Amino acid sequence: MIKENLLKIKQSLPENVTLVAVSKTKPLVDLQEAYAAGQRVFGENKIQEMVEKYDALPKDIQWHMIGHLQRNKVKYMAHFVDLIHGVDSLKTLKEINKQAKKHNRTINCLLQAKIAKEETKFGLSFQEIEAILSSEEFLELENIKVVGFMGMATFTDNQQQLQEEFSALKAFFNKLKTQETALNILSMGMSGDYPLAISSGSNMIRVGSSIFGNRNYN
């Protein structure tokens, strides 16, 4: 079913949209099936699990860290991670830069914007993002590259609210894109809301259950 699910989703996506297969908690056999079906971008939310899968699977896979990031664990993935989605502080950017430098790499990052109305969601305000991007400390970081923003909408069935949240981040992205030429990724949308996110301007979606089935939580 994984192959069929992937093909169904990919056929519905505009060409400019990247599909991140959220493989957290899923066994290697499921990832191998998705890989055999042509999927090359996988998202994990725990660094230890991602490292184990990186070691076991083909090296042409792009690994995205999509969970909330603990700074003390950045070092374990700095040699291979392709994109870090949930960066929500300058301190974290500094740590990623430090670890990337050790491996002579530049690590791509997305700043997480807080667009949801829920207090439980992490993220930066638009003002905080602008302050980081214009700060001297940020400009000195040579081994990271902020290539866009990530936003998680409120967990709700209210389509108007979701659209407002997605559209707000898209408008902010468009505004800053005129000043920051490196910005090209807007990661919004998951299994339940990605069609709306795409229509609101997202060009990267994170989809798990619609590919792999419902997740088993340990």
Protein backbone atom coordinates (compact mmCIF):
# COMPACT_ATOMS: atom_id res chain seq x y z
CA MET A 1 0.00 0.00 0.00
CA ILE A 2 2.89 2.38 0.64
CA LYS A 3 3.81 2.48 -3.05
CA GLU A 4 0.18 3.09 -4.05
CA ASN A 5 -0.23 5.82 -1.44
CA LEU A 6 2.94 7.57 -2.56
CA LEU A 7 2.00 7.50 -6.23
CA LYS A 8 -1.49 8.79 -5.48
CA ILE A 9 -0.11 11.76 -3.53
CA LYS A 10 2.66 12.55 -6.00
CA GLN A 11 0.25 12.55 -8.93
CA SER A 12 -1.80 15.24 -7.18
CA LEU A 13 1.15 17.52 -6.39
CA PRO A 14 2.26 20.52 -8.46
CA GLU A 15 5.78 20.09 -9.88
CA ASN A 16 7.28 22.70 -7.54
CA VAL A 17 6.16 20.93 -4.34
CA THR A 18 8.59 18.66 -2.47
CA LEU A 19 7.09 15.72 -0.60
CA VAL A 20 8.79 14.86 2.70
CA ALA A 21 7.78 11.35 3.75
CA VAL A 22 7.45 11.49 7.53
CA SER A 23 8.89 8.14 8.54
CA LYS A 24 9.21 8.63 12.31
CA THR A 25 8.53 5.44 14.31
CA LYS A 26 8.24 3.44 11.08
CA PRO A 27 10.39 0.32 10.57
CA LEU A 28 13.15 0.13 7.98
CA VAL A 29 11.08 -2.17 5.77
CA ASP A 30 8.50 0.59 5.30
CA LEU A 31 11.17 3.11 4.33
CA GLN A 32 12.71 0.61 1.94
CA GLU A 33 9.34 0.15 0.25
CA ALA A 34 8.94 3.91 -0.12
CA TYR A 35 12.51 4.17 -1.42
CA ALA A 36 11.83 1.44 -3.99
CA ALA A 37 8.81 3.47 -5.12
CA GLY A 38 11.10 6.44 -5.80
CA GLN A 39 10.86 8.46 -2.58
CA ARG A 40 14.16 10.09 -1.64
CA VAL A 41 13.23 12.66 1.03
CA PHE A 42 12.40 11.40 4.51
CA GLY A 43 11.56 13.30 7.70
CA GLU A 44 12.32 12.18 11.25
CA ASN A 45 11.64 13.89 14.57
CA LYS A 46 14.17 12.04 16.76
CA ILE A 47 17.84 12.35 15.97
CA GLN A 48 18.84 8.93 17.32
CA GLU A 49 16.23 7.19 15.17
CA MET A 50 17.28 9.20 12.12
CA VAL A 51 20.96 8.30 12.65
CA GLU A 52 20.11 4.59 12.83
CA LYS A 53 18.09 4.78 9.62
CA TYR A 54 20.78 6.84 7.87
CA ASP A 55 23.35 4.16 8.71
CA ALA A 56 21.11 1.37 7.38
CA LEU A 57 19.67 2.89 4.20
CA PRO A 58 21.03 4.10 0.83
CA LYS A 59 23.10 7.26 0.93
CA ASP A 60 21.21 9.15 -1.78
CA ILE A 61 18.37 9.77 0.69
CA GLN A 62 17.87 13.34 1.90
CA TRP A 63 17.20 13.36 5.64
CA HIS A 64 15.11 16.15 7.11
CA MET A 65 14.95 16.78 10.85
CA ILE A 66 11.36 17.89 11.40
CA GLY A 67 10.96 17.61 15.18
CA HIS A 68 11.71 20.11 17.89
CA LEU A 69 15.48 20.29 18.10
CA GLN A 70 17.57 19.72 21.23
CA ARG A 71 20.83 21.60 20.79
CA ASN A 72 22.92 18.99 22.58
CA LYS A 73 22.00 16.39 19.93
CA VAL A 74 22.83 18.39 16.80
CA LYS A 75 26.33 16.88 16.73
CA TYR A 76 24.97 13.40 16.02
CA MET A 77 23.41 14.37 12.69
CA ALA A 78 25.65 17.24 11.57
CA HIS A 79 27.60 15.03 9.15
CA PHE A 80 24.59 14.07 7.03
CA VAL A 81 21.35 16.00 7.70
CA ASP A 82 20.09 17.76 4.58
CA LEU A 83 17.55 20.20 6.06
CA ILE A 84 16.52 21.13 9.60
CA HIS A 85 12.91 22.33 9.71
CA GLY A 86 12.18 23.48 13.23
CA VAL A 87 14.84 26.05 14.15
CA ASP A 88 13.35 28.50 16.62
CA SER A 89 16.26 30.37 18.19
CA LEU A 90 19.54 32.07 17.37
CA LYS A 91 21.23 29.82 19.96
CA THR A 92 20.18 26.77 17.97
CA LEU A 93 21.47 28.31 14.74
CA LYS A 94 24.82 28.91 16.44
CA GLU A 95 25.04 25.30 17.58
CA ILE A 96 24.16 23.98 14.12
CA ASN A 97 26.82 26.30 12.65
CA LYS A 98 29.40 25.05 15.16
CA GLN A 99 28.74 21.39 14.39
CA ALA A 100 28.54 21.96 10.62
CA LYS A 101 31.93 23.66 10.72
CA LYS A 102 33.48 20.54 12.29
CA HIS A 103 32.41 18.57 9.22
CA ASN A 104 33.27 21.32 6.73
CA ARG A 105 29.62 21.51 5.70
CA THR A 106 26.93 24.12 5.28
CA ILE A 107 23.65 22.95 6.77
CA ASN A 108 20.36 24.25 5.38
CA CYS A 109 17.79 25.40 7.94
CA LEU A 110 14.21 26.59 8.07
CA LEU A 111 13.14 29.04 10.76
CA GLN A 112 9.93 27.89 12.42
CA ALA A 113 7.29 30.58 12.49
CA LYS A 114 4.52 30.37 15.06
CA ILE A 115 1.34 30.71 13.04
CA ALA A 116 -1.01 28.53 15.11
CA LYS A 117 -3.27 29.86 17.83
CA GLU A 118 -2.28 26.97 20.11
CA GLU A 119 0.14 27.62 22.95
CA THR A 120 1.68 24.16 22.57
CA LYS A 121 3.22 24.94 19.19
CA PHE A 122 6.83 26.09 19.05
CA GLY A 123 8.02 28.90 16.83
CA LEU A 124 9.14 32.47 16.38
CA SER A 125 7.02 35.54 15.76
CA PHE A 126 7.54 37.29 12.44
CA GLN A 127 9.25 40.13 14.30
CA GLU A 128 11.66 37.68 15.96
CA ILE A 129 12.52 36.13 12.60
CA GLU A 130 13.29 39.53 11.10
CA ALA A 131 15.43 40.40 14.13
CA ILE A 132 17.47 37.21 13.78
CA LEU A 133 18.02 37.58 10.03
CA SER A 134 19.24 41.16 10.41
CA SER A 135 21.45 40.57 13.44
CA GLU A 136 25.24 40.79 13.31
CA GLU A 137 25.50 37.44 15.13
CA PHE A 138 23.49 35.70 12.43
CA LEU A 139 25.48 37.28 9.61
CA GLU A 140 28.67 35.85 11.12
CA LEU A 141 27.43 32.25 10.84
CA GLU A 142 29.16 30.85 7.76
CA ASN A 143 28.21 27.17 8.01
CA ILE A 144 24.44 27.45 8.03
CA LYS A 145 22.05 28.75 5.43
CA VAL A 146 18.49 29.79 6.21
CA VAL A 147 16.65 28.74 3.06
CA GLY A 148 13.08 29.35 4.16
CA PHE A 149 10.39 29.02 6.81
CA MET A 150 8.29 26.27 8.33
CA GLY A 151 4.91 26.70 9.92
CA MET A 152 2.44 24.36 11.63
CA ALA A 153 -1.17 25.44 11.55
CA THR A 154 -3.67 25.02 14.36
CA PHE A 155 -5.11 21.51 14.72
CA THR A 156 -8.62 22.36 13.65
CA ASP A 157 -11.28 21.56 11.04
CA ASN A 158 -11.90 25.29 10.54
CA GLN A 159 -10.72 25.72 6.95
CA GLN A 160 -10.93 29.50 7.07
CA GLN A 161 -8.65 29.64 10.11
CA LEU A 162 -6.14 27.28 8.48
CA GLN A 163 -6.13 29.35 5.31
CA GLU A 164 -5.58 32.56 7.27
CA GLU A 165 -2.62 31.03 9.11
CA PHE A 166 -1.03 29.63 5.96
CA SER A 167 -1.66 32.84 4.00
CA ALA A 168 -0.09 34.97 6.74
CA LEU A 169 3.15 32.99 6.55
CA LYS A 170 3.12 33.06 2.75
CA ALA A 171 2.76 36.85 2.77
CA PHE A 172 5.63 37.15 5.25
CA PHE A 173 7.75 34.79 3.15
CA ASN A 174 7.07 36.89 0.03
CA LYS A 175 8.01 40.08 1.88
CA LEU A 176 11.33 38.74 3.14
CA LYS A 177 12.16 36.98 -0.12
CA THR A 178 12.70 40.40 -1.67
CA GLN A 179 15.45 41.03 0.91
CA GLU A 180 16.88 37.53 1.46
CA THR A 181 17.76 35.88 -1.84
CA ALA A 182 18.46 32.48 -0.21
CA LEU A 183 14.82 32.02 0.79
CA ASN A 184 13.14 29.47 -1.47
CA ILE A 185 11.37 26.93 0.76
CA LEU A 186 8.03 27.38 2.49
CA SER A 187 7.25 24.20 4.44
CA MET A 188 3.57 24.12 5.40
CA GLY A 189 1.05 21.32 5.41
CA MET A 190 0.76 17.76 6.72
CA SER A 191 -1.48 14.77 5.95
CA GLY A 192 -4.66 16.51 7.12
CA ASP A 193 -4.19 19.94 5.57
CA TYR A 194 -1.57 19.85 2.81
CA PRO A 195 -3.95 20.54 -0.15
CA LEU A 196 -4.98 23.79 1.52
CA ALA A 197 -1.36 24.59 2.40
CA ILE A 198 -0.30 24.11 -1.22
CA SER A 199 -3.11 26.34 -2.49
CA SER A 200 -1.89 28.93 0.03
CA GLY A 201 1.66 28.85 -1.34
CA SER A 202 3.50 25.96 0.34
CA ASN A 203 6.19 24.26 -1.74
CA MET A 204 7.14 21.57 0.79
CA ILE A 205 4.75 19.26 2.63
CA ARG A 206 5.35 16.75 5.43
CA VAL A 207 3.16 13.68 5.02
CA GLY A 208 3.27 10.58 7.21
CA SER A 209 0.02 8.73 7.88
CA SER A 210 -1.31 9.20 4.33
CA ILE A 211 1.76 7.30 3.09
CA PHE A 212 2.61 4.81 5.83
CA GLY A 213 -0.73 4.42 7.59
CA ASN A 214 -1.49 5.40 11.17
CA ARG A 215 1.52 5.73 13.41
CA ASN A 216 2.23 3.40 16.32
CA TYR A 217 3.35 5.37 19.35
CA ASN A 218 5.57 3.53 21.78
